[in-house]
C-alpha cells in the first residue's frame, strides 16, 4: 500500500518521455489526460499512471482520471490497489458504470471472482454504455471458460472503434493464457494502426506464445523499426534467436504433460 497511499495527489517528476510540446501545453487537467492516453497507447503504463494522477491533482472531479488510474494499476499487476482506488472513486461517483467495471476487474485479478461478477452485472445495468464495461465482462467470461466472451468483446468494439480496444482485448487474452483467441484481435489493432509500434509488439508476443516464431520475429522487427529503443522487443528477439521460451509456453508444456 505504501507506494500508492497518496496516488491521486502524487506529483513527483515529469514522466521520462514527456515531450517539449507536451510541456508547452501547461498544467490544465485535460492536457494531462491527453498525455496519459498517449503514453497508454505506447504501453508506457507507469508514465500513464503518473499523468492520470497529475490530472487528478488539479481536478478531482475528472472521472476519466480516476478510471484511467484504476486501469493502469490493473495492467501493472497492482490489482489490490486498483480495487482500493476504484472504491475511493466510487465514493465520489456512486454507481458509475465504468468505475464499477474497474473495481470488478481489480477484484477478479486479486482472486475474488464471484464478487467481481456481481460488480460487472451492476456496471452493465448502470446508465450509459462503454467499451470498457464490455471488455471487463469479456475477461470474466473468458476466465470462467464461458462461451460468451467473444460476444462481450464484440460489444466492446461496437462501442468504441479506437484500435486501442482490440489491442487491450488481445492483452486480456494474453493475461489469461489464451493467445489463440487474441490473435485476431491484435491483428485488427495492427491493421487499424500500422504506424504504431506497440500493437506490433503485442502481436509479436501473441505469435510467440503460439509458437509462430517466424511471424513473431517479423512483428517484433517491425516494432523495432518504428521504435528502435524498444527494450522488450529486443529482448524477445534475442530469446527467439537463442531458442528461449516464454513462461506462458513453458507453463502450457507442463500442463500438457500432466
C-alpha atoms as a PDB file:
ATOM      1  CA  UNK A   1       0.000   0.000   0.000  1.00  0.00           C
ATOM      2  CA  UNK A   2       2.815   2.461   0.781  1.00  0.00           C
ATOM      3  CA  UNK A   3       3.584   3.007  -2.885  1.00  0.00           C
ATOM      4  CA  UNK A   4       0.005   4.049  -3.679  1.00  0.00           C
ATOM      5  CA  UNK A   5      -1.365   5.586  -0.485  1.00  0.00           C
ATOM      6  CA  UNK A   6      -1.313   9.116  -1.942  1.00  0.00           C
ATOM      7  CA  UNK A   7      -1.607   8.219  -5.585  1.00  0.00           C
ATOM      8  CA  UNK A   8      -4.150  10.779  -6.715  1.00  0.00           C
ATOM      9  CA  UNK A   9      -2.075  13.581  -5.167  1.00  0.00           C
ATOM     10  CA  UNK A  10       1.257  12.274  -6.416  1.00  0.00           C
ATOM     11  CA  UNK A  11       3.214  14.921  -8.325  1.00  0.00           C
ATOM     12  CA  UNK A  12       6.836  13.817  -8.440  1.00  0.00           C
ATOM     13  CA  UNK A  13       8.984  14.360 -11.524  1.00  0.00           C
ATOM     14  CA  UNK A  14       7.693  14.553 -15.067  1.00  0.00           C
ATOM     15  CA  UNK A  15       7.459  11.265 -16.977  1.00  0.00           C
ATOM     16  CA  UNK A  16      10.683  10.434 -18.780  1.00  0.00           C
ATOM     17  CA  UNK A  17       9.236  10.649 -22.285  1.00  0.00           C
ATOM     18  CA  UNK A  18       7.186  13.826 -21.858  1.00  0.00           C
ATOM     19  CA  UNK A  19       7.761  15.901 -24.982  1.00  0.00           C
ATOM     20  CA  UNK A  20       8.620  19.592 -25.275  1.00  0.00           C
ATOM     21  CA  UNK A  21       5.278  20.107 -26.971  1.00  0.00           C
ATOM     22  CA  UNK A  22       3.512  18.473 -24.017  1.00  0.00           C
ATOM     23  CA  UNK A  23       5.375  20.767 -21.624  1.00  0.00           C
ATOM     24  CA  UNK A  24       4.095  23.814 -23.514  1.00  0.00           C
ATOM     25  CA  UNK A  25       0.501  22.667 -23.031  1.00  0.00           C
ATOM     26  CA  UNK A  26       0.653  23.672 -19.396  1.00  0.00           C
ATOM     27  CA  UNK A  27      -0.912  22.007 -16.379  1.00  0.00           C
ATOM     28  CA  UNK A  28      -4.573  22.004 -17.368  1.00  0.00           C
ATOM     29  CA  UNK A  29      -6.175  18.640 -16.441  1.00  0.00           C
ATOM     30  CA  UNK A  30      -7.308  17.926 -19.998  1.00  0.00           C
ATOM     31  CA  UNK A  31      -3.673  18.215 -21.093  1.00  0.00           C
ATOM     32  CA  UNK A  32      -2.571  15.631 -18.540  1.00  0.00           C
ATOM     33  CA  UNK A  33      -5.367  13.273 -19.599  1.00  0.00           C
ATOM     34  CA  UNK A  34      -4.428  13.553 -23.261  1.00  0.00           C
ATOM     35  CA  UNK A  35      -0.798  12.810 -22.481  1.00  0.00           C
ATOM     36  CA  UNK A  36      -1.815   9.863 -20.295  1.00  0.00           C
ATOM     37  CA  UNK A  37      -3.772   8.293 -23.147  1.00  0.00           C
ATOM     38  CA  UNK A  38      -0.815   8.727 -25.498  1.00  0.00           C
ATOM     39  CA  UNK A  39       1.522   7.014 -23.037  1.00  0.00           C
ATOM     40  CA  UNK A  40      -1.026   4.235 -22.716  1.00  0.00           C
ATOM     41  CA  UNK A  41      -1.047   3.779 -26.494  1.00  0.00           C
ATOM     42  CA  UNK A  42       2.704   3.267 -26.299  1.00  0.00           C
ATOM     43  CA  UNK A  43       2.490   0.739 -23.472  1.00  0.00           C
ATOM     44  CA  UNK A  44       4.176   3.159 -21.056  1.00  0.00           C
ATOM     45  CA  UNK A  45       1.836   2.356 -18.201  1.00  0.00           C
ATOM     46  CA  UNK A  46       3.898   3.799 -15.355  1.00  0.00           C
ATOM     47  CA  UNK A  47       4.063   7.115 -17.199  1.00  0.00           C
ATOM     48  CA  UNK A  48       0.336   6.973 -17.914  1.00  0.00           C
ATOM     49  CA  UNK A  49      -0.401   6.301 -14.246  1.00  0.00           C
ATOM     50  CA  UNK A  50       1.595   9.349 -13.192  1.00  0.00           C
ATOM     51  CA  UNK A  51      -0.169  11.526 -15.745  1.00  0.00           C
ATOM     52  CA  UNK A  52      -3.636  10.418 -14.697  1.00  0.00           C
ATOM     53  CA  UNK A  53      -2.559  11.217 -11.153  1.00  0.00           C
ATOM     54  CA  UNK A  54      -1.371  14.685 -12.218  1.00  0.00           C
ATOM     55  CA  UNK A  55      -4.749  15.373 -13.796  1.00  0.00           C
ATOM     56  CA  UNK A  56      -6.481  14.464 -10.524  1.00  0.00           C
ATOM     57  CA  UNK A  57      -4.063  16.598  -8.561  1.00  0.00           C
ATOM     58  CA  UNK A  58      -5.506  19.571 -10.441  1.00  0.00           C
ATOM     59  CA  UNK A  59      -9.128  18.421 -10.559  1.00  0.00           C
ATOM     60  CA  UNK A  60     -10.512  15.516  -8.532  1.00  0.00           C
ATOM     61  CA  UNK A  61     -13.840  15.732 -10.384  1.00  0.00           C
ATOM     62  CA  UNK A  62     -12.357  14.110 -13.516  1.00  0.00           C
ATOM     63  CA  UNK A  63     -13.924  10.670 -13.589  1.00  0.00           C
ATOM     64  CA  UNK A  64     -11.688   9.741 -16.557  1.00  0.00           C
ATOM     65  CA  UNK A  65      -8.669  10.445 -14.403  1.00  0.00           C
ATOM     66  CA  UNK A  66      -9.885   8.117 -11.658  1.00  0.00           C
ATOM     67  CA  UNK A  67     -10.818   5.447 -14.187  1.00  0.00           C
ATOM     68  CA  UNK A  68      -7.502   5.667 -16.024  1.00  0.00           C
ATOM     69  CA  UNK A  69      -5.634   5.416 -12.736  1.00  0.00           C
ATOM     70  CA  UNK A  70      -7.531   2.216 -11.864  1.00  0.00           C
ATOM     71  CA  UNK A  71      -6.973   0.724 -15.332  1.00  0.00           C
ATOM     72  CA  UNK A  72      -3.240   1.382 -15.217  1.00  0.00           C
ATOM     73  CA  UNK A  73      -2.951  -0.236 -11.789  1.00  0.00           C
ATOM     74  CA  UNK A  74      -4.646  -3.321 -13.230  1.00  0.00           C
ATOM     75  CA  UNK A  75      -2.234  -3.678 -16.151  1.00  0.00           C
ATOM     76  CA  UNK A  76       0.699  -3.037 -13.815  1.00  0.00           C
ATOM     77  CA  UNK A  77      -0.369  -6.111 -11.802  1.00  0.00           C
ATOM     78  CA  UNK A  78      -1.438  -3.996  -8.829  1.00  0.00           C
ATOM     79  CA  UNK A  79      -4.942  -5.458  -8.631  1.00  0.00           C
ATOM     80  CA  UNK A  80      -5.450  -4.841  -4.911  1.00  0.00           C
ATOM     81  CA  UNK A  81      -4.563  -1.177  -5.304  1.00  0.00           C
ATOM     82  CA  UNK A  82      -6.820  -0.930  -8.366  1.00  0.00           C
ATOM     83  CA  UNK A  83      -9.739  -2.253  -6.327  1.00  0.00           C
ATOM     84  CA  UNK A  84      -8.933   0.151  -3.488  1.00  0.00           C
ATOM     85  CA  UNK A  85      -8.781   3.217  -5.722  1.00  0.00           C
ATOM     86  CA  UNK A  86     -11.934   2.239  -7.578  1.00  0.00           C
ATOM     87  CA  UNK A  87     -13.716   2.158  -4.204  1.00  0.00           C
ATOM     88  CA  UNK A  88     -12.360   5.611  -3.391  1.00  0.00           C
ATOM     89  CA  UNK A  89     -13.534   6.872  -6.774  1.00  0.00           C
ATOM     90  CA  UNK A  90     -16.991   5.354  -6.299  1.00  0.00           C
ATOM     91  CA  UNK A  91     -17.351   7.405  -3.130  1.00  0.00           C
ATOM     92  CA  UNK A  92     -17.166  10.471  -5.387  1.00  0.00           C
ATOM     93  CA  UNK A  93     -19.143   8.969  -8.285  1.00  0.00           C
ATOM     94  CA  UNK A  94     -21.616   6.469  -6.783  1.00  0.00           C
ATOM     95  CA  UNK A  95     -22.968   3.951  -9.272  1.00  0.00           C
ATOM     96  CA  UNK A  96     -20.631   4.962 -12.105  1.00  0.00           C
ATOM     97  CA  UNK A  97     -20.674   2.027 -14.529  1.00  0.00           C
ATOM     98  CA  UNK A  98     -17.068   2.298 -15.670  1.00  0.00           C
ATOM     99  CA  UNK A  99     -15.713   2.558 -12.137  1.00  0.00           C
ATOM    100  CA  UNK A 100     -17.816  -0.459 -11.143  1.00  0.00           C
ATOM    101  CA  UNK A 101     -16.203  -2.320 -14.042  1.00  0.00           C
ATOM    102  CA  UNK A 102     -12.767  -1.188 -12.862  1.00  0.00           C
ATOM    103  CA  UNK A 103     -13.470  -2.495  -9.390  1.00  0.00           C
ATOM    104  CA  UNK A 104     -14.727  -5.763 -10.903  1.00  0.00           C
ATOM    105  CA  UNK A 105     -11.514  -6.202 -12.880  1.00  0.00           C
ATOM    106  CA  UNK A 106      -9.382  -5.438  -9.853  1.00  0.00           C
ATOM    107  CA  UNK A 107     -11.326  -7.897  -7.716  1.00  0.00           C
ATOM    108  CA  UNK A 108     -11.131 -10.651 -10.320  1.00  0.00           C
ATOM    109  CA  UNK A 109      -7.383 -10.231 -10.720  1.00  0.00           C
ATOM    110  CA  UNK A 110      -6.947 -10.350  -6.959  1.00  0.00           C
ATOM    111  CA  UNK A 111      -8.793 -13.671  -6.798  1.00  0.00           C
ATOM    112  CA  UNK A 112     -12.343 -12.558  -5.928  1.00  0.00           C
ATOM    113  CA  UNK A 113     -14.195 -13.888  -8.949  1.00  0.00           C
ATOM    114  CA  UNK A 114     -17.728 -14.172  -7.557  1.00  0.00           C
ATOM    115  CA  UNK A 115     -17.689 -10.618  -6.182  1.00  0.00           C
ATOM    116  CA  UNK A 116     -16.245  -9.398  -9.481  1.00  0.00           C
ATOM    117  CA  UNK A 117     -19.099 -10.982 -11.409  1.00  0.00           C
ATOM    118  CA  UNK A 118     -21.686  -9.178  -9.293  1.00  0.00           C
ATOM    119  CA  UNK A 119     -19.942  -5.841  -9.813  1.00  0.00           C
ATOM    120  CA  UNK A 120     -19.771  -6.497 -13.543  1.00  0.00           C
ATOM    121  CA  UNK A 121     -23.527  -7.133 -13.543  1.00  0.00           C
ATOM    122  CA  UNK A 122     -24.034  -3.781 -11.830  1.00  0.00           C
ATOM    123  CA  UNK A 123     -21.730  -1.987 -14.268  1.00  0.00           C
ATOM    124  CA  UNK A 124     -23.746  -3.217 -17.248  1.00  0.00           C
ATOM    125  CA  UNK A 125     -27.018  -2.180 -15.588  1.00  0.00           C
ATOM    126  CA  UNK A 126     -25.738   1.334 -14.839  1.00  0.00           C
ATOM    127  CA  UNK A 127     -26.652   4.260 -17.037  1.00  0.00           C
ATOM    128  CA  UNK A 128     -24.770   4.574 -20.311  1.00  0.00           C
ATOM    129  CA  UNK A 129     -22.571   2.249 -22.326  1.00  0.00           C
ATOM    130  CA  UNK A 130     -18.832   1.878 -22.769  1.00  0.00           C
ATOM    131  CA  UNK A 131     -16.290  -0.415 -24.357  1.00  0.00           C
ATOM    132  CA  UNK A 132     -14.547  -0.900 -21.024  1.00  0.00           C
ATOM    133  CA  UNK A 133     -17.583  -2.373 -19.262  1.00  0.00           C
ATOM    134  CA  UNK A 134     -17.874  -4.991 -22.006  1.00  0.00           C
ATOM    135  CA  UNK A 135     -14.113  -5.624 -22.025  1.00  0.00           C
ATOM    136  CA  UNK A 136     -14.199  -6.448 -18.308  1.00  0.00           C
ATOM    137  CA  UNK A 137     -17.258  -8.622 -18.812  1.00  0.00           C
ATOM    138  CA  UNK A 138     -15.466 -10.447 -21.615  1.00  0.00           C
ATOM    139  CA  UNK A 139     -12.462 -11.041 -19.368  1.00  0.00           C
ATOM    140  CA  UNK A 140     -14.677 -12.575 -16.696  1.00  0.00           C
ATOM    141  CA  UNK A 141     -16.448 -14.772 -19.239  1.00  0.00           C
ATOM    142  CA  UNK A 142     -13.163 -15.949 -20.752  1.00  0.00           C
ATOM    143  CA  UNK A 143     -11.626 -16.533 -17.329  1.00  0.00           C
ATOM    144  CA  UNK A 144     -14.520 -18.741 -16.262  1.00  0.00           C
ATOM    145  CA  UNK A 145     -14.492 -20.504 -19.648  1.00  0.00           C
ATOM    146  CA  UNK A 146     -17.954 -19.331 -20.654  1.00  0.00           C
ATOM    147  CA  UNK A 147     -18.729 -19.128 -24.347  1.00  0.00           C
ATOM    148  CA  UNK A 148     -19.966 -15.522 -24.363  1.00  0.00           C
ATOM    149  CA  UNK A 149     -16.547 -13.897 -24.139  1.00  0.00           C
ATOM    150  CA  UNK A 150     -16.376 -13.219 -27.891  1.00  0.00           C
ATOM    151  CA  UNK A 151     -19.833 -11.612 -27.835  1.00  0.00           C
ATOM    152  CA  UNK A 152     -18.790  -9.336 -24.966  1.00  0.00           C
ATOM    153  CA  UNK A 153     -15.600  -8.292 -26.734  1.00  0.00           C
ATOM    154  CA  UNK A 154     -17.548  -7.670 -29.942  1.00  0.00           C
ATOM    155  CA  UNK A 155     -19.813  -5.341 -27.934  1.00  0.00           C
ATOM    156  CA  UNK A 156     -16.719  -3.531 -26.661  1.00  0.00           C
ATOM    157  CA  UNK A 157     -15.533  -2.940 -30.223  1.00  0.00           C
ATOM    158  CA  UNK A 158     -19.007  -1.774 -31.261  1.00  0.00           C
ATOM    159  CA  UNK A 159     -18.939   0.839 -28.505  1.00  0.00           C
ATOM    160  CA  UNK A 160     -15.536   2.249 -29.457  1.00  0.00           C
ATOM    161  CA  UNK A 161     -13.795   1.949 -32.850  1.00  0.00           C
ATOM    162  CA  UNK A 162     -10.404   3.000 -31.431  1.00  0.00           C
ATOM    163  CA  UNK A 163      -7.621   0.486 -32.195  1.00  0.00           C
ATOM    164  CA  UNK A 164      -6.769   0.502 -28.506  1.00  0.00           C
ATOM    165  CA  UNK A 165      -9.883  -1.592 -27.803  1.00  0.00           C
ATOM    166  CA  UNK A 166      -8.951  -4.721 -29.817  1.00  0.00           C
ATOM    167  CA  UNK A 167      -5.367  -4.321 -28.603  1.00  0.00           C
ATOM    168  CA  UNK A 168      -6.423  -4.378 -24.956  1.00  0.00           C
ATOM    169  CA  UNK A 169      -8.724  -7.335 -25.665  1.00  0.00           C
ATOM    170  CA  UNK A 170      -5.686  -9.195 -27.019  1.00  0.00           C
ATOM    171  CA  UNK A 171      -3.778  -8.283 -23.865  1.00  0.00           C
ATOM    172  CA  UNK A 172      -6.580  -9.715 -21.737  1.00  0.00           C
ATOM    173  CA  UNK A 173      -6.328 -12.991 -23.633  1.00  0.00           C
ATOM    174  CA  UNK A 174      -2.550 -12.998 -23.122  1.00  0.00           C
ATOM    175  CA  UNK A 175      -3.058 -12.432 -19.409  1.00  0.00           C
ATOM    176  CA  UNK A 176      -5.482 -15.361 -19.299  1.00  0.00           C
ATOM    177  CA  UNK A 177      -3.129 -17.643 -21.228  1.00  0.00           C
ATOM    178  CA  UNK A 178      -5.434 -17.776 -24.260  1.00  0.00           C
ATOM    179  CA  UNK A 179      -3.281 -16.261 -27.026  1.00  0.00           C
ATOM    180  CA  UNK A 180      -5.069 -18.094 -29.845  1.00  0.00           C
ATOM    181  CA  UNK A 181      -8.270 -16.243 -29.007  1.00  0.00           C
ATOM    182  CA  UNK A 182      -6.466 -12.904 -29.025  1.00  0.00           C
ATOM    183  CA  UNK A 183      -4.597 -13.274 -32.303  1.00  0.00           C
ATOM    184  CA  UNK A 184      -7.407 -11.957 -34.485  1.00  0.00           C
ATOM    185  CA  UNK A 185      -7.932  -9.021 -32.125  1.00  0.00           C
ATOM    186  CA  UNK A 186      -4.314  -7.894 -32.142  1.00  0.00           C
ATOM    187  CA  UNK A 187      -4.118  -8.297 -35.913  1.00  0.00           C
ATOM    188  CA  UNK A 188      -7.103  -5.973 -36.164  1.00  0.00           C
ATOM    189  CA  UNK A 189      -5.303  -3.430 -33.975  1.00  0.00           C
ATOM    190  CA  UNK A 190      -2.230  -3.619 -36.234  1.00  0.00           C
ATOM    191  CA  UNK A 191      -4.440  -3.216 -39.290  1.00  0.00           C
ATOM    192  CA  UNK A 192      -6.015  -0.083 -37.813  1.00  0.00           C
ATOM    193  CA  UNK A 193      -2.724   1.414 -36.580  1.00  0.00           C
ATOM    194  CA  UNK A 194       0.120   0.035 -38.744  1.00  0.00           C
ATOM    195  CA  UNK A 195       2.353   3.003 -37.894  1.00  0.00           C
ATOM    196  CA  UNK A 196       2.157   2.481 -34.122  1.00  0.00           C
ATOM    197  CA  UNK A 197       4.828   0.254 -32.600  1.00  0.00           C
ATOM    198  CA  UNK A 198       3.018  -1.097 -29.549  1.00  0.00           C
ATOM    199  CA  UNK A 199       0.409  -3.153 -31.462  1.00  0.00           C
ATOM    200  CA  UNK A 200       3.263  -4.778 -33.401  1.00  0.00           C
ATOM    201  CA  UNK A 201       4.936  -5.656 -30.105  1.00  0.00           C
ATOM    202  CA  UNK A 202       1.786  -7.254 -28.671  1.00  0.00           C
ATOM    203  CA  UNK A 203       1.237  -9.085 -31.939  1.00  0.00           C
ATOM    204  CA  UNK A 204       4.780 -10.445 -31.714  1.00  0.00           C
ATOM    205  CA  UNK A 205       4.226 -11.571 -28.142  1.00  0.00           C
ATOM    206  CA  UNK A 206       0.966 -13.288 -29.104  1.00  0.00           C
ATOM    207  CA  UNK A 207       2.582 -15.052 -32.058  1.00  0.00           C
ATOM    208  CA  UNK A 208       5.487 -16.099 -29.883  1.00  0.00           C
ATOM    209  CA  UNK A 209       3.154 -17.609 -27.306  1.00  0.00           C
ATOM    210  CA  UNK A 210       1.562 -19.634 -30.106  1.00  0.00           C
ATOM    211  CA  UNK A 211       4.926 -20.893 -31.370  1.00  0.00           C
ATOM    212  CA  UNK A 212       4.630 -18.852 -34.608  1.00  0.00           C
ATOM    213  CA  UNK A 213       8.259 -17.845 -34.380  1.00  0.00           C
ATOM    214  CA  UNK A 214       8.769 -16.618 -37.955  1.00  0.00           C
ATOM    215  CA  UNK A 215       5.761 -14.335 -37.690  1.00  0.00           C
ATOM    216  CA  UNK A 216       6.783 -13.244 -34.199  1.00  0.00           C
ATOM    217  CA  UNK A 217      10.211 -12.176 -35.446  1.00  0.00           C
ATOM    218  CA  UNK A 218       8.648 -10.136 -38.250  1.00  0.00           C
ATOM    219  CA  UNK A 219       6.277  -8.397 -35.847  1.00  0.00           C
ATOM    220  CA  UNK A 220       8.984  -7.645 -33.309  1.00  0.00           C
ATOM    221  CA  UNK A 221      11.346  -6.400 -36.012  1.00  0.00           C
ATOM    222  CA  UNK A 222       8.608  -4.076 -37.281  1.00  0.00           C
ATOM    223  CA  UNK A 223       8.134  -2.810 -33.731  1.00  0.00           C
ATOM    224  CA  UNK A 224      11.847  -2.004 -33.586  1.00  0.00           C
ATOM    225  CA  UNK A 225      11.755  -0.280 -36.952  1.00  0.00           C
ATOM    226  CA  UNK A 226       9.101   2.054 -35.564  1.00  0.00           C
ATOM    227  CA  UNK A 227      10.735   2.350 -32.128  1.00  0.00           C
ATOM    228  CA  UNK A 228      14.450   1.376 -32.222  1.00  0.00           C
ATOM    229  CA  UNK A 229      14.795   1.728 -28.434  1.00  0.00           C
ATOM    230  CA  UNK A 230      12.039  -0.744 -27.518  1.00  0.00           C
ATOM    231  CA  UNK A 231      13.916  -2.869 -24.984  1.00  0.00           C
ATOM    232  CA  UNK A 232      11.234  -5.524 -24.538  1.00  0.00           C
ATOM    233  CA  UNK A 233      11.063  -6.214 -28.288  1.00  0.00           C
ATOM    234  CA  UNK A 234      14.858  -6.505 -28.420  1.00  0.00           C
ATOM    235  CA  UNK A 235      14.792  -8.955 -25.506  1.00  0.00           C
ATOM    236  CA  UNK A 236      12.077 -11.069 -27.135  1.00  0.00           C
ATOM    237  CA  UNK A 237      14.028 -11.238 -30.381  1.00  0.00           C
ATOM    238  CA  UNK A 238      17.167 -12.320 -28.520  1.00  0.00           C
ATOM    239  CA  UNK A 239      15.238 -15.056 -26.757  1.00  0.00           C
ATOM    240  CA  UNK A 240      13.776 -16.259 -30.058  1.00  0.00           C
ATOM    241  CA  UNK A 241      17.244 -16.323 -31.604  1.00  0.00           C
ATOM    242  CA  UNK A 242      18.639 -18.401 -28.748  1.00  0.00           C
ATOM    243  CA  UNK A 243      15.670 -20.742 -28.585  1.00  0.00           C
ATOM    244  CA  UNK A 244      14.343 -19.175 -25.392  1.00  0.00           C
ATOM    245  CA  UNK A 245      10.791 -19.986 -24.369  1.00  0.00           C
ATOM    246  CA  UNK A 246       8.324 -17.636 -22.765  1.00  0.00           C
ATOM    247  CA  UNK A 247       6.910 -18.503 -19.367  1.00  0.00           C
ATOM    248  CA  UNK A 248       3.494 -18.981 -20.947  1.00  0.00           C
ATOM    249  CA  UNK A 249       4.769 -21.616 -23.383  1.00  0.00           C
ATOM    250  CA  UNK A 250       6.663 -23.425 -20.617  1.00  0.00           C
ATOM    251  CA  UNK A 251       3.544 -23.490 -18.446  1.00  0.00           C
ATOM    252  CA  UNK A 252       1.415 -24.867 -21.278  1.00  0.00           C
ATOM    253  CA  UNK A 253       4.007 -27.611 -21.878  1.00  0.00           C
ATOM    254  CA  UNK A 254       3.885 -28.532 -18.166  1.00  0.00           C
ATOM    255  CA  UNK A 255       0.086 -28.724 -18.262  1.00  0.00           C
ATOM    256  CA  UNK A 256       0.184 -30.740 -21.463  1.00  0.00           C
ATOM    257  CA  UNK A 257       2.433 -33.366 -19.861  1.00  0.00           C
ATOM    258  CA  UNK A 258       0.128 -33.978 -16.921  1.00  0.00           C
END
